[in-house]
Amino acid sequence: MQRVQGKKLRYLISGGAGFVGSHLCDVLLSEGHEVVAVDNLVTGSARNVEHLKREPRFQLIEANVCKPLDIPGPFDTVMHLASIASPKEYLARPIETLESGSTGTRNMLELARRDNSRFLLTSTSECYGDPEVHPQVETYWGHVNPVGPRSCYDESKRYAEALTMAYHRVHGLRTNIARIFNTYGPRMALNDGRVVPAFLDEALRGAPITVYGDGKQTRSFCFVGDLVNGLILLSRSEERYPVNLGNPLELTILEFAEAIRHVTGTKVPIQFCPLPEDDPKRRRPDITKARTILGWEPVVPLDEGLRETVAYFQTVIAATV
């Protein structure tokens, strides 16, 4: 990554102590920029940015973006990552999840409008629901159950996208929207319920790997370092409509379970459980737009990314023993 024409910028990042947000803070600081992170630490953790506490260009503010925010500016770029992204968490906190996509997004948009700054929204591949178009391209409107148990997350992000585009059209705000596909890497929470930490937690503890359904449903996994690079490139682009950011390597859940067993060196069995309601059957991003507009595509191989993630989780587990 290069600095923007050698200029040092000031960033406001909601969800900055989260899994992806903390990595984003690291990269922007390494470029020489100033970063103010806002996080209510419900699913994020101060531990993720503990190594930055003596960095004079970094500040962590513990606050809820769904409440009125009075953060001194100006900021060059506002990046809204704050959201409950884990299925385990958003199913337990559906109202808070909807608020982060609605009220939280509006509060962050207002800060961007105050400073006439750029605004980046991190949306999700869940906007495509259980897709009938494969691979998923940005022009596909999706197949979402608006009243199902997952709708609190899906619809919060779909609304956030609509609100972001409204601010662009009405106020001329310079906006970007990233539709993020499955991401993994260090600083994920072991108990957050998503596929990668769930499988690794079970494998490292010697427990059976839990596969839902028949395991033939597919996902595409992108390493967090690749994703962060894509987010930064997108935030500096003039593309206003959604852009997919993910790894087009598509694996069945069973194939991924085998990859986990291989990288952890375990032979734990696989146990099958009923498939959750509205669980997508296939998920793979078409990243033609990201390649063309941003010159971006993932470069970290799955095996390499998983080994780095395993090393992190082993450290976390060892610290709790």
C-alpha atoms as a PDB file:
ATOM      1  CA  MET A   1       0.000   0.000   0.000  1.00  0.00           C
ATOM      2  CA  GLN A   2       1.149   3.537  -0.786  1.00  0.00           C
ATOM      3  CA  ARG A   3       0.168   6.766   0.891  1.00  0.00           C
ATOM      4  CA  VAL A   4      -2.332   8.846  -1.056  1.00  0.00           C
ATOM      5  CA  GLN A   5       0.003  11.084  -3.068  1.00  0.00           C
ATOM      6  CA  GLY A   6       2.264  11.268  -0.010  1.00  0.00           C
ATOM      7  CA  LYS A   7      -0.489  12.898   2.055  1.00  0.00           C
ATOM      8  CA  LYS A   8      -1.138  11.871   5.645  1.00  0.00           C
ATOM      9  CA  LEU A   9      -4.865  11.411   6.220  1.00  0.00           C
ATOM     10  CA  ARG A  10      -7.126  11.219   9.251  1.00  0.00           C
ATOM     11  CA  TYR A  11      -9.441   8.197   9.434  1.00  0.00           C
ATOM     12  CA  LEU A  12     -12.459   7.457  11.623  1.00  0.00           C
ATOM     13  CA  ILE A  13     -13.179   3.720  11.832  1.00  0.00           C
ATOM     14  CA  SER A  14     -16.268   2.368  13.569  1.00  0.00           C
ATOM     15  CA  GLY A  15     -15.778  -1.185  14.780  1.00  0.00           C
ATOM     16  CA  GLY A  16     -12.056  -0.402  14.916  1.00  0.00           C
ATOM     17  CA  ALA A  17     -11.397  -2.888  17.734  1.00  0.00           C
ATOM     18  CA  GLY A  18     -13.090  -5.708  15.845  1.00  0.00           C
ATOM     19  CA  PHE A  19     -11.573  -8.522  13.810  1.00  0.00           C
ATOM     20  CA  VAL A  20     -11.352  -6.719  10.454  1.00  0.00           C
ATOM     21  CA  GLY A  21     -11.324  -3.203  11.917  1.00  0.00           C
ATOM     22  CA  SER A  22      -8.197  -3.757  13.999  1.00  0.00           C
ATOM     23  CA  HIS A  23      -6.267  -5.049  10.987  1.00  0.00           C
ATOM     24  CA  LEU A  24      -7.447  -2.028   9.021  1.00  0.00           C
ATOM     25  CA  CYS A  25      -6.109   0.253  11.772  1.00  0.00           C
ATOM     26  CA  ASP A  26      -2.727  -1.513  11.573  1.00  0.00           C
ATOM     27  CA  VAL A  27      -2.339  -1.021   7.822  1.00  0.00           C
ATOM     28  CA  LEU A  28      -3.458   2.618   7.798  1.00  0.00           C
ATOM     29  CA  LEU A  29      -1.089   3.452  10.659  1.00  0.00           C
ATOM     30  CA  SER A  30       1.744   1.676   8.836  1.00  0.00           C
ATOM     31  CA  GLU A  31       1.094   4.042   5.926  1.00  0.00           C
ATOM     32  CA  GLY A  32       1.652   7.001   8.231  1.00  0.00           C
ATOM     33  CA  HIS A  33      -1.978   8.049   8.707  1.00  0.00           C
ATOM     34  CA  GLU A  34      -3.867   9.002  11.867  1.00  0.00           C
ATOM     35  CA  VAL A  35      -6.658   6.695  13.042  1.00  0.00           C
ATOM     36  CA  VAL A  36      -9.496   7.211  15.508  1.00  0.00           C
ATOM     37  CA  ALA A  37     -11.306   3.933  16.256  1.00  0.00           C
ATOM     38  CA  VAL A  38     -14.799   3.810  17.756  1.00  0.00           C
ATOM     39  CA  ASP A  39     -16.060   0.565  19.268  1.00  0.00           C
ATOM     40  CA  ASN A  40     -18.541  -0.382  21.995  1.00  0.00           C
ATOM     41  CA  LEU A  41     -16.552  -3.590  22.608  1.00  0.00           C
ATOM     42  CA  VAL A  42     -19.640  -5.805  22.484  1.00  0.00           C
ATOM     43  CA  THR A  43     -18.098  -8.114  19.884  1.00  0.00           C
ATOM     44  CA  GLY A  44     -14.835  -6.228  19.390  1.00  0.00           C
ATOM     45  CA  SER A  45     -12.039  -6.350  21.958  1.00  0.00           C
ATOM     46  CA  ALA A  46      -9.547  -3.824  23.286  1.00  0.00           C
ATOM     47  CA  ARG A  47      -7.009  -6.673  23.128  1.00  0.00           C
ATOM     48  CA  ASN A  48      -7.098  -6.424  19.326  1.00  0.00           C
ATOM     49  CA  VAL A  49      -5.591  -2.932  19.488  1.00  0.00           C
ATOM     50  CA  GLU A  50      -3.615  -3.284  22.726  1.00  0.00           C
ATOM     51  CA  HIS A  51      -0.372  -3.117  20.718  1.00  0.00           C
ATOM     52  CA  LEU A  52      -1.372   0.348  19.469  1.00  0.00           C
ATOM     53  CA  LYS A  53      -2.004   2.053  22.825  1.00  0.00           C
ATOM     54  CA  ARG A  54       1.372   3.852  22.780  1.00  0.00           C
ATOM     55  CA  GLU A  55       0.992   4.914  19.147  1.00  0.00           C
ATOM     56  CA  PRO A  56       0.423   8.710  19.196  1.00  0.00           C
ATOM     57  CA  ARG A  57      -1.459   8.597  15.871  1.00  0.00           C
ATOM     58  CA  PHE A  58      -4.043   6.150  17.227  1.00  0.00           C
ATOM     59  CA  GLN A  59      -6.994   6.689  19.549  1.00  0.00           C
ATOM     60  CA  LEU A  60      -9.658   4.225  20.708  1.00  0.00           C
ATOM     61  CA  ILE A  61     -12.982   5.699  21.800  1.00  0.00           C
ATOM     62  CA  GLU A  62     -15.369   3.327  23.573  1.00  0.00           C
ATOM     63  CA  ALA A  63     -18.774   4.380  22.287  1.00  0.00           C
ATOM     64  CA  ASN A  64     -21.896   3.013  20.594  1.00  0.00           C
ATOM     65  CA  VAL A  65     -22.366   4.320  17.045  1.00  0.00           C
ATOM     66  CA  CYS A  66     -26.128   3.987  17.504  1.00  0.00           C
ATOM     67  CA  LYS A  67     -25.970   6.845  20.014  1.00  0.00           C
ATOM     68  CA  PRO A  68     -25.272  10.488  19.064  1.00  0.00           C
ATOM     69  CA  LEU A  69     -21.551  10.901  18.411  1.00  0.00           C
ATOM     70  CA  ASP A  70     -19.591  14.096  18.985  1.00  0.00           C
ATOM     71  CA  ILE A  71     -16.110  13.206  17.787  1.00  0.00           C
ATOM     72  CA  PRO A  72     -13.894  16.173  16.941  1.00  0.00           C
ATOM     73  CA  GLY A  73     -12.920  16.300  13.280  1.00  0.00           C
ATOM     74  CA  PRO A  74     -12.151  16.852  10.619  1.00  0.00           C
ATOM     75  CA  PHE A  75     -11.704  13.403   9.083  1.00  0.00           C
ATOM     76  CA  ASP A  76     -10.621  12.689   5.527  1.00  0.00           C
ATOM     77  CA  THR A  77     -12.322   9.281   5.473  1.00  0.00           C
ATOM     78  CA  VAL A  78     -15.018   7.648   7.618  1.00  0.00           C
ATOM     79  CA  MET A  79     -15.128   3.846   7.452  1.00  0.00           C
ATOM     80  CA  HIS A  80     -18.193   2.181   8.946  1.00  0.00           C
ATOM     81  CA  LEU A  81     -17.417  -1.389  10.002  1.00  0.00           C
ATOM     82  CA  ALA A  82     -19.408  -1.502  13.246  1.00  0.00           C
ATOM     83  CA  SER A  83     -21.836  -4.407  13.085  1.00  0.00           C
ATOM     84  CA  ILE A  84     -22.613  -7.685  14.764  1.00  0.00           C
ATOM     85  CA  ALA A  85     -21.401 -10.058  12.034  1.00  0.00           C
ATOM     86  CA  SER A  86     -21.350 -13.438  13.788  1.00  0.00           C
ATOM     87  CA  PRO A  87     -24.516 -15.508  13.247  1.00  0.00           C
ATOM     88  CA  LYS A  88     -24.350 -16.649  16.867  1.00  0.00           C
ATOM     89  CA  GLU A  89     -24.294 -13.029  18.039  1.00  0.00           C
ATOM     90  CA  TYR A  90     -26.778 -11.451  15.641  1.00  0.00           C
ATOM     91  CA  LEU A  91     -29.330 -14.188  16.274  1.00  0.00           C
ATOM     92  CA  ALA A  92     -29.012 -13.387  19.982  1.00  0.00           C
ATOM     93  CA  ARG A  93     -29.074  -9.589  19.421  1.00  0.00           C
ATOM     94  CA  PRO A  94     -31.362  -8.992  16.423  1.00  0.00           C
ATOM     95  CA  ILE A  95     -32.554  -5.527  17.466  1.00  0.00           C
ATOM     96  CA  GLU A  96     -29.026  -4.230  18.133  1.00  0.00           C
ATOM     97  CA  THR A  97     -27.947  -5.665  14.776  1.00  0.00           C
ATOM     98  CA  LEU A  98     -30.710  -3.801  12.949  1.00  0.00           C
ATOM     99  CA  GLU A  99     -29.844  -0.601  14.809  1.00  0.00           C
ATOM    100  CA  SER A 100     -26.179  -0.748  13.792  1.00  0.00           C
ATOM    101  CA  GLY A 101     -27.208  -0.964  10.143  1.00  0.00           C
ATOM    102  CA  SER A 102     -29.786   1.809  10.408  1.00  0.00           C
ATOM    103  CA  THR A 103     -29.144   4.353  13.164  1.00  0.00           C
ATOM    104  CA  GLY A 104     -25.448   3.496  13.357  1.00  0.00           C
ATOM    105  CA  THR A 105     -24.960   3.943   9.631  1.00  0.00           C
ATOM    106  CA  ARG A 106     -26.807   7.260   9.653  1.00  0.00           C
ATOM    107  CA  ASN A 107     -24.736   8.598  12.535  1.00  0.00           C
ATOM    108  CA  MET A 108     -21.517   7.736  10.705  1.00  0.00           C
ATOM    109  CA  LEU A 109     -22.821   9.204   7.459  1.00  0.00           C
ATOM    110  CA  GLU A 110     -23.623  12.425   9.282  1.00  0.00           C
ATOM    111  CA  LEU A 111     -20.062  12.647  10.571  1.00  0.00           C
ATOM    112  CA  ALA A 112     -18.805  12.174   7.018  1.00  0.00           C
ATOM    113  CA  ARG A 113     -21.215  14.841   5.779  1.00  0.00           C
ATOM    114  CA  ARG A 114     -20.087  17.224   8.528  1.00  0.00           C
ATOM    115  CA  ASP A 115     -16.484  17.001   7.318  1.00  0.00           C
ATOM    116  CA  ASN A 116     -17.236  16.461   3.598  1.00  0.00           C
ATOM    117  CA  SER A 117     -15.133  13.310   3.895  1.00  0.00           C
ATOM    118  CA  ARG A 118     -15.157  10.051   2.032  1.00  0.00           C
ATOM    119  CA  PHE A 119     -17.385   7.328   3.457  1.00  0.00           C
ATOM    120  CA  LEU A 120     -16.891   3.569   3.164  1.00  0.00           C
ATOM    121  CA  LEU A 121     -19.588   1.086   4.179  1.00  0.00           C
ATOM    122  CA  THR A 122     -18.668  -2.524   4.789  1.00  0.00           C
ATOM    123  CA  SER A 123     -21.671  -4.492   3.587  1.00  0.00           C
ATOM    124  CA  THR A 124     -21.883  -8.236   3.076  1.00  0.00           C
ATOM    125  CA  SER A 125     -22.451 -11.093   0.680  1.00  0.00           C
ATOM    126  CA  GLU A 126     -25.503 -11.845   2.834  1.00  0.00           C
ATOM    127  CA  CYS A 127     -27.254  -9.202   0.718  1.00  0.00           C
ATOM    128  CA  TYR A 128     -27.481 -11.961  -1.893  1.00  0.00           C
ATOM    129  CA  GLY A 129     -29.263 -14.283   0.556  1.00  0.00           C
ATOM    130  CA  ASP A 130     -29.569 -17.867  -0.682  1.00  0.00           C
ATOM    131  CA  PRO A 131     -28.552 -16.904  -4.230  1.00  0.00           C
ATOM    132  CA  GLU A 132     -30.171 -18.117  -7.418  1.00  0.00           C
ATOM    133  CA  VAL A 133     -27.337 -16.584  -9.461  1.00  0.00           C
ATOM    134  CA  HIS A 134     -23.882 -18.154  -9.230  1.00  0.00           C
ATOM    135  CA  PRO A 135     -21.252 -16.816  -8.852  1.00  0.00           C
ATOM    136  CA  GLN A 136     -22.704 -13.674  -7.321  1.00  0.00           C
ATOM    137  CA  VAL A 137     -22.213 -10.474  -9.297  1.00  0.00           C
ATOM    138  CA  GLU A 138     -22.951  -7.013  -7.915  1.00  0.00           C
ATOM    139  CA  THR A 139     -25.894  -6.419 -10.266  1.00  0.00           C
ATOM    140  CA  TYR A 140     -27.761  -9.414  -8.775  1.00  0.00           C
ATOM    141  CA  TRP A 141     -30.488  -8.149  -6.406  1.00  0.00           C
ATOM    142  CA  GLY A 142     -30.435 -11.205  -4.192  1.00  0.00           C
ATOM    143  CA  HIS A 143     -32.812 -13.810  -2.773  1.00  0.00           C
ATOM    144  CA  VAL A 144     -33.339 -12.850   0.876  1.00  0.00           C
ATOM    145  CA  ASN A 145     -36.024 -13.939   3.339  1.00  0.00           C
ATOM    146  CA  PRO A 146     -36.986 -10.570   4.888  1.00  0.00           C
ATOM    147  CA  VAL A 147     -38.680 -12.140   7.922  1.00  0.00           C
ATOM    148  CA  GLY A 148     -36.428 -15.137   8.608  1.00  0.00           C
ATOM    149  CA  PRO A 149     -34.113 -15.419  11.639  1.00  0.00           C
ATOM    150  CA  ARG A 150     -31.129 -14.176   9.589  1.00  0.00           C
ATOM    151  CA  SER A 151     -33.035 -11.160   8.273  1.00  0.00           C
ATOM    152  CA  CYS A 152     -31.835  -8.919  11.114  1.00  0.00           C
ATOM    153  CA  TYR A 153     -28.349  -9.031   9.614  1.00  0.00           C
ATOM    154  CA  ASP A 154     -29.233  -9.308   5.918  1.00  0.00           C
ATOM    155  CA  GLU A 155     -31.743  -6.468   5.978  1.00  0.00           C
ATOM    156  CA  SER A 156     -29.608  -4.242   8.204  1.00  0.00           C
ATOM    157  CA  LYS A 157     -26.919  -4.315   5.550  1.00  0.00           C
ATOM    158  CA  ARG A 158     -29.336  -3.911   2.641  1.00  0.00           C
ATOM    159  CA  TYR A 159     -30.822  -0.874   4.377  1.00  0.00           C
ATOM    160  CA  ALA A 160     -27.328   0.489   5.107  1.00  0.00           C
ATOM    161  CA  GLU A 161     -26.504   0.242   1.402  1.00  0.00           C
ATOM    162  CA  ALA A 162     -29.704   2.079   0.455  1.00  0.00           C
ATOM    163  CA  LEU A 163     -29.029   4.782   3.050  1.00  0.00           C
ATOM    164  CA  THR A 164     -25.453   5.218   1.852  1.00  0.00           C
ATOM    165  CA  MET A 165     -26.605   5.647  -1.758  1.00  0.00           C
ATOM    166  CA  ALA A 166     -29.275   8.141  -0.609  1.00  0.00           C
ATOM    167  CA  TYR A 167     -26.613  10.288   1.072  1.00  0.00           C
ATOM    168  CA  HIS A 168     -24.548  10.131  -2.103  1.00  0.00           C
ATOM    169  CA  ARG A 169     -27.474  11.176  -4.282  1.00  0.00           C
ATOM    170  CA  VAL A 170     -28.944  13.821  -1.966  1.00  0.00           C
ATOM    171  CA  HIS A 171     -25.825  15.282  -0.361  1.00  0.00           C
ATOM    172  CA  GLY A 172     -23.167  14.439  -2.959  1.00  0.00           C
ATOM    173  CA  LEU A 173     -21.215  12.436  -0.381  1.00  0.00           C
ATOM    174  CA  ARG A 174     -18.278  10.471  -1.794  1.00  0.00           C
ATOM    175  CA  THR A 175     -19.309   6.968  -0.842  1.00  0.00           C
ATOM    176  CA  ASN A 176     -18.076   3.412  -1.386  1.00  0.00           C
ATOM    177  CA  ILE A 177     -19.784   0.102  -0.589  1.00  0.00           C
ATOM    178  CA  ALA A 178     -17.887  -3.169  -0.078  1.00  0.00           C
ATOM    179  CA  ARG A 179     -19.778  -6.462  -0.137  1.00  0.00           C
ATOM    180  CA  ILE A 180     -17.554  -8.703   1.943  1.00  0.00           C
ATOM    181  CA  PHE A 181     -17.560 -12.487   1.554  1.00  0.00           C
ATOM    182  CA  ASN A 182     -16.364 -14.968   4.215  1.00  0.00           C
ATOM    183  CA  THR A 183     -13.189 -13.614   5.801  1.00  0.00           C
ATOM    184  CA  TYR A 184     -10.836 -15.338   8.235  1.00  0.00           C
ATOM    185  CA  GLY A 185      -7.570 -14.703  10.035  1.00  0.00           C
ATOM    186  CA  PRO A 186      -5.998 -13.808  13.388  1.00  0.00           C
ATOM    187  CA  ARG A 187      -8.147 -11.913  15.926  1.00  0.00           C
ATOM    188  CA  MET A 188     -11.340 -13.757  15.125  1.00  0.00           C
ATOM    189  CA  ALA A 189     -13.098 -14.783  18.319  1.00  0.00           C
ATOM    190  CA  LEU A 190     -12.982 -18.528  18.919  1.00  0.00           C
ATOM    191  CA  ASN A 191     -16.590 -18.585  20.092  1.00  0.00           C
ATOM    192  CA  ASP A 192     -18.161 -16.324  17.453  1.00  0.00           C
ATOM    193  CA  GLY A 193     -19.890 -19.186  15.660  1.00  0.00           C
ATOM    194  CA  ARG A 194     -18.532 -18.638  12.146  1.00  0.00           C
ATOM    195  CA  VAL A 195     -17.117 -21.555  10.182  1.00  0.00           C
ATOM    196  CA  VAL A 196     -13.386 -20.899  10.494  1.00  0.00           C
ATOM    197  CA  PRO A 197     -13.110 -20.319  14.265  1.00  0.00           C
ATOM    198  CA  ALA A 198     -15.706 -23.009  14.991  1.00  0.00           C
ATOM    199  CA  PHE A 199     -13.828 -25.657  12.980  1.00  0.00           C
ATOM    200  CA  LEU A 200     -10.419 -24.604  14.322  1.00  0.00           C
ATOM    201  CA  ASP A 201     -11.628 -24.511  17.915  1.00  0.00           C
ATOM    202  CA  GLU A 202     -13.032 -28.027  17.621  1.00  0.00           C
ATOM    203  CA  ALA A 203      -9.987 -29.419  15.808  1.00  0.00           C
ATOM    204  CA  LEU A 204      -7.486 -27.879  18.221  1.00  0.00           C
ATOM    205  CA  ARG A 205      -9.446 -29.219  21.213  1.00  0.00           C
ATOM    206  CA  GLY A 206      -9.651 -32.671  19.635  1.00  0.00           C
ATOM    207  CA  ALA A 207     -13.440 -32.463  19.386  1.00  0.00           C
ATOM    208  CA  PRO A 208     -15.483 -33.593  16.358  1.00  0.00           C
ATOM    209  CA  ILE A 209     -15.866 -30.943  13.656  1.00  0.00           C
ATOM    210  CA  THR A 210     -19.532 -29.949  13.411  1.00  0.00           C
ATOM    211  CA  VAL A 211     -20.840 -29.723   9.842  1.00  0.00           C
ATOM    212  CA  TYR A 212     -24.379 -28.488   9.295  1.00  0.00           C
ATOM    213  CA  GLY A 213     -26.505 -30.169   6.644  1.00  0.00           C
ATOM    214  CA  ASP A 214     -24.726 -32.583   4.299  1.00  0.00           C
ATOM    215  CA  GLY A 215     -21.664 -30.351   3.984  1.00  0.00           C
ATOM    216  CA  LYS A 216     -22.125 -29.884   0.243  1.00  0.00           C
ATOM    217  CA  GLN A 217     -23.015 -26.212   0.603  1.00  0.00           C
ATOM    218  CA  THR A 218     -20.151 -23.973  -0.538  1.00  0.00           C
ATOM    219  CA  ARG A 219     -18.272 -20.951   0.781  1.00  0.00           C
ATOM    220  CA  SER A 220     -15.324 -18.861  -0.412  1.00  0.00           C
ATOM    221  CA  PHE A 221     -12.776 -17.836   2.217  1.00  0.00           C
ATOM    222  CA  CYS A 222     -10.617 -14.700   1.993  1.00  0.00           C
ATOM    223  CA  PHE A 223      -7.669 -13.933   4.283  1.00  0.00           C
ATOM    224  CA  VAL A 224      -8.124 -10.748   6.300  1.00  0.00           C
ATOM    225  CA  GLY A 225      -4.944  -9.133   4.961  1.00  0.00           C
ATOM    226  CA  ASP A 226      -6.227  -9.426   1.406  1.00  0.00           C
ATOM    227  CA  LEU A 227      -9.611  -8.016   2.398  1.00  0.00           C
ATOM    228  CA  VAL A 228      -8.119  -4.997   4.174  1.00  0.00           C
ATOM    229  CA  ASN A 229      -6.042  -4.120   1.127  1.00  0.00           C
ATOM    230  CA  GLY A 230      -9.213  -4.264  -0.955  1.00  0.00           C
ATOM    231  CA  LEU A 231     -11.110  -2.030   1.473  1.00  0.00           C
ATOM    232  CA  ILE A 232      -8.399   0.622   1.367  1.00  0.00           C
ATOM    233  CA  LEU A 233      -8.215   0.573  -2.433  1.00  0.00           C
ATOM    234  CA  LEU A 234     -11.995   0.845  -2.655  1.00  0.00           C
ATOM    235  CA  SER A 235     -12.079   3.765  -0.194  1.00  0.00           C
ATOM    236  CA  ARG A 236      -9.811   5.699  -2.552  1.00  0.00           C
ATOM    237  CA  SER A 237     -11.748   4.903  -5.703  1.00  0.00           C
ATOM    238  CA  GLU A 238     -14.547   6.764  -7.442  1.00  0.00           C
ATOM    239  CA  GLU A 239     -16.818   3.704  -7.636  1.00  0.00           C
ATOM    240  CA  ARG A 240     -20.087   4.476  -5.863  1.00  0.00           C
ATOM    241  CA  TYR A 241     -21.951   1.197  -6.383  1.00  0.00           C
ATOM    242  CA  PRO A 242     -21.241  -2.033  -4.439  1.00  0.00           C
ATOM    243  CA  VAL A 243     -18.046  -3.971  -5.106  1.00  0.00           C
ATOM    244  CA  ASN A 244     -17.552  -7.614  -4.124  1.00  0.00           C
ATOM    245  CA  LEU A 245     -14.447  -8.300  -2.023  1.00  0.00           C
ATOM    246  CA  GLY A 246     -13.757 -11.976  -1.458  1.00  0.00           C
ATOM    247  CA  ASN A 247     -11.822 -14.976  -2.666  1.00  0.00           C
ATOM    248  CA  PRO A 248     -13.386 -16.747  -5.673  1.00  0.00           C
ATOM    249  CA  LEU A 249     -11.911 -20.108  -4.582  1.00  0.00           C
ATOM    250  CA  GLU A 250     -15.080 -22.074  -3.816  1.00  0.00           C
ATOM    251  CA  LEU A 251     -15.041 -25.041  -1.423  1.00  0.00           C
ATOM    252  CA  THR A 252     -17.720 -27.269  -0.017  1.00  0.00           C
ATOM    253  CA  ILE A 253     -17.940 -27.170   3.763  1.00  0.00           C
ATOM    254  CA  LEU A 254     -16.723 -30.774   3.817  1.00  0.00           C
ATOM    255  CA  GLU A 255     -13.678 -29.831   1.725  1.00  0.00           C
ATOM    256  CA  PHE A 256     -13.000 -26.986   4.106  1.00  0.00           C
ATOM    257  CA  ALA A 257     -13.292 -29.309   7.100  1.00  0.00           C
ATOM    258  CA  GLU A 258     -10.652 -31.513   5.463  1.00  0.00           C
ATOM    259  CA  ALA A 259      -8.417 -28.462   4.973  1.00  0.00           C
ATOM    260  CA  ILE A 260      -8.771 -27.703   8.682  1.00  0.00           C
ATOM    261  CA  ARG A 261      -7.882 -31.265   9.642  1.00  0.00           C
ATOM    262  CA  HIS A 262      -4.844 -31.094   7.362  1.00  0.00           C
ATOM    263  CA  VAL A 263      -3.494 -27.774   8.631  1.00  0.00           C
ATOM    264  CA  THR A 264      -4.007 -28.720  12.311  1.00  0.00           C
ATOM    265  CA  GLY A 265      -2.608 -32.213  11.817  1.00  0.00           C
ATOM    266  CA  THR A 266      -5.621 -33.784  13.520  1.00  0.00           C
ATOM    267  CA  LYS A 267      -7.825 -36.725  12.596  1.00  0.00           C
ATOM    268  CA  VAL A 268     -10.910 -35.665  14.517  1.00  0.00           C
ATOM    269  CA  PRO A 269     -14.188 -37.070  13.178  1.00  0.00           C
ATOM    270  CA  ILE A 270     -16.888 -35.013  11.482  1.00  0.00           C
ATOM    271  CA  GLN A 271     -20.355 -34.881  13.016  1.00  0.00           C
ATOM    272  CA  PHE A 272     -23.416 -33.688  11.096  1.00  0.00           C
ATOM    273  CA  CYS A 273     -26.202 -31.484  12.458  1.00  0.00           C
ATOM    274  CA  PRO A 274     -29.373 -30.072  10.868  1.00  0.00           C
ATOM    275  CA  LEU A 275     -28.873 -27.120   8.527  1.00  0.00           C
ATOM    276  CA  PRO A 276     -29.978 -23.761  10.026  1.00  0.00           C
ATOM    277  CA  GLU A 277     -32.944 -21.974   8.455  1.00  0.00           C
ATOM    278  CA  ASP A 278     -32.157 -19.872   5.337  1.00  0.00           C
ATOM    279  CA  ASP A 279     -28.517 -21.003   5.289  1.00  0.00           C
ATOM    280  CA  PRO A 280     -27.127 -20.186   1.787  1.00  0.00           C
ATOM    281  CA  LYS A 281     -26.393 -23.251  -0.347  1.00  0.00           C
ATOM    282  CA  ARG A 282     -23.727 -21.652  -2.549  1.00  0.00           C
ATOM    283  CA  ARG A 283     -21.541 -18.628  -2.078  1.00  0.00           C
ATOM    284  CA  ARG A 284     -18.817 -17.438  -4.433  1.00  0.00           C
ATOM    285  CA  PRO A 285     -17.969 -13.859  -5.417  1.00  0.00           C
ATOM    286  CA  ASP A 286     -17.556 -12.660  -8.961  1.00  0.00           C
ATOM    287  CA  ILE A 287     -14.656 -10.223  -8.450  1.00  0.00           C
ATOM    288  CA  THR A 288     -14.400  -8.993 -12.039  1.00  0.00           C
ATOM    289  CA  LYS A 289     -15.364  -5.502 -10.903  1.00  0.00           C
ATOM    290  CA  ALA A 290     -12.705  -5.391  -8.153  1.00  0.00           C
ATOM    291  CA  ARG A 291     -10.056  -6.642 -10.560  1.00  0.00           C
ATOM    292  CA  THR A 292     -11.029  -4.114 -13.221  1.00  0.00           C
ATOM    293  CA  ILE A 293     -11.640  -1.009 -11.106  1.00  0.00           C
ATOM    294  CA  LEU A 294      -9.265  -1.547  -8.186  1.00  0.00           C
ATOM    295  CA  GLY A 295      -6.649  -3.884  -9.650  1.00  0.00           C
ATOM    296  CA  TRP A 296      -7.352  -6.065  -6.616  1.00  0.00           C
ATOM    297  CA  GLU A 297      -7.559  -9.789  -6.067  1.00  0.00           C
ATOM    298  CA  PRO A 298      -6.625 -12.094  -3.172  1.00  0.00           C
ATOM    299  CA  VAL A 299      -3.013 -13.307  -3.088  1.00  0.00           C
ATOM    300  CA  VAL A 300      -2.770 -15.306   0.177  1.00  0.00           C
ATOM    301  CA  PRO A 301      -3.239 -19.059  -0.427  1.00  0.00           C
ATOM    302  CA  LEU A 302      -5.737 -20.817   1.837  1.00  0.00           C
ATOM    303  CA  ASP A 303      -3.105 -23.094   3.378  1.00  0.00           C
ATOM    304  CA  GLU A 304      -0.874 -20.139   4.257  1.00  0.00           C
ATOM    305  CA  GLY A 305      -3.706 -18.099   5.712  1.00  0.00           C
ATOM    306  CA  LEU A 306      -4.983 -21.021   7.763  1.00  0.00           C
ATOM    307  CA  ARG A 307      -1.535 -21.714   9.218  1.00  0.00           C
ATOM    308  CA  GLU A 308      -1.256 -18.097  10.380  1.00  0.00           C
ATOM    309  CA  THR A 309      -4.745 -18.309  11.858  1.00  0.00           C
ATOM    310  CA  VAL A 310      -3.996 -21.600  13.618  1.00  0.00           C
ATOM    311  CA  ALA A 311      -0.846 -20.114  15.173  1.00  0.00           C
ATOM    312  CA  TYR A 312      -2.923 -17.228  16.547  1.00  0.00           C
ATOM    313  CA  PHE A 313      -5.625 -19.499  17.969  1.00  0.00           C
ATOM    314  CA  GLN A 314      -3.032 -21.771  19.562  1.00  0.00           C
ATOM    315  CA  THR A 315      -1.646 -18.724  21.390  1.00  0.00           C
ATOM    316  CA  VAL A 316      -5.144 -17.717  22.528  1.00  0.00           C
ATOM    317  CA  ILE A 317      -5.954 -21.217  23.763  1.00  0.00           C
ATOM    318  CA  ALA A 318      -2.617 -21.525  25.569  1.00  0.00           C
ATOM    319  CA  ALA A 319      -3.259 -18.232  27.371  1.00  0.00           C
ATOM    320  CA  THR A 320      -6.546 -19.535  28.748  1.00  0.00           C
ATOM    321  CA  VAL A 321      -5.172 -22.803  30.098  1.00  0.00           C
END
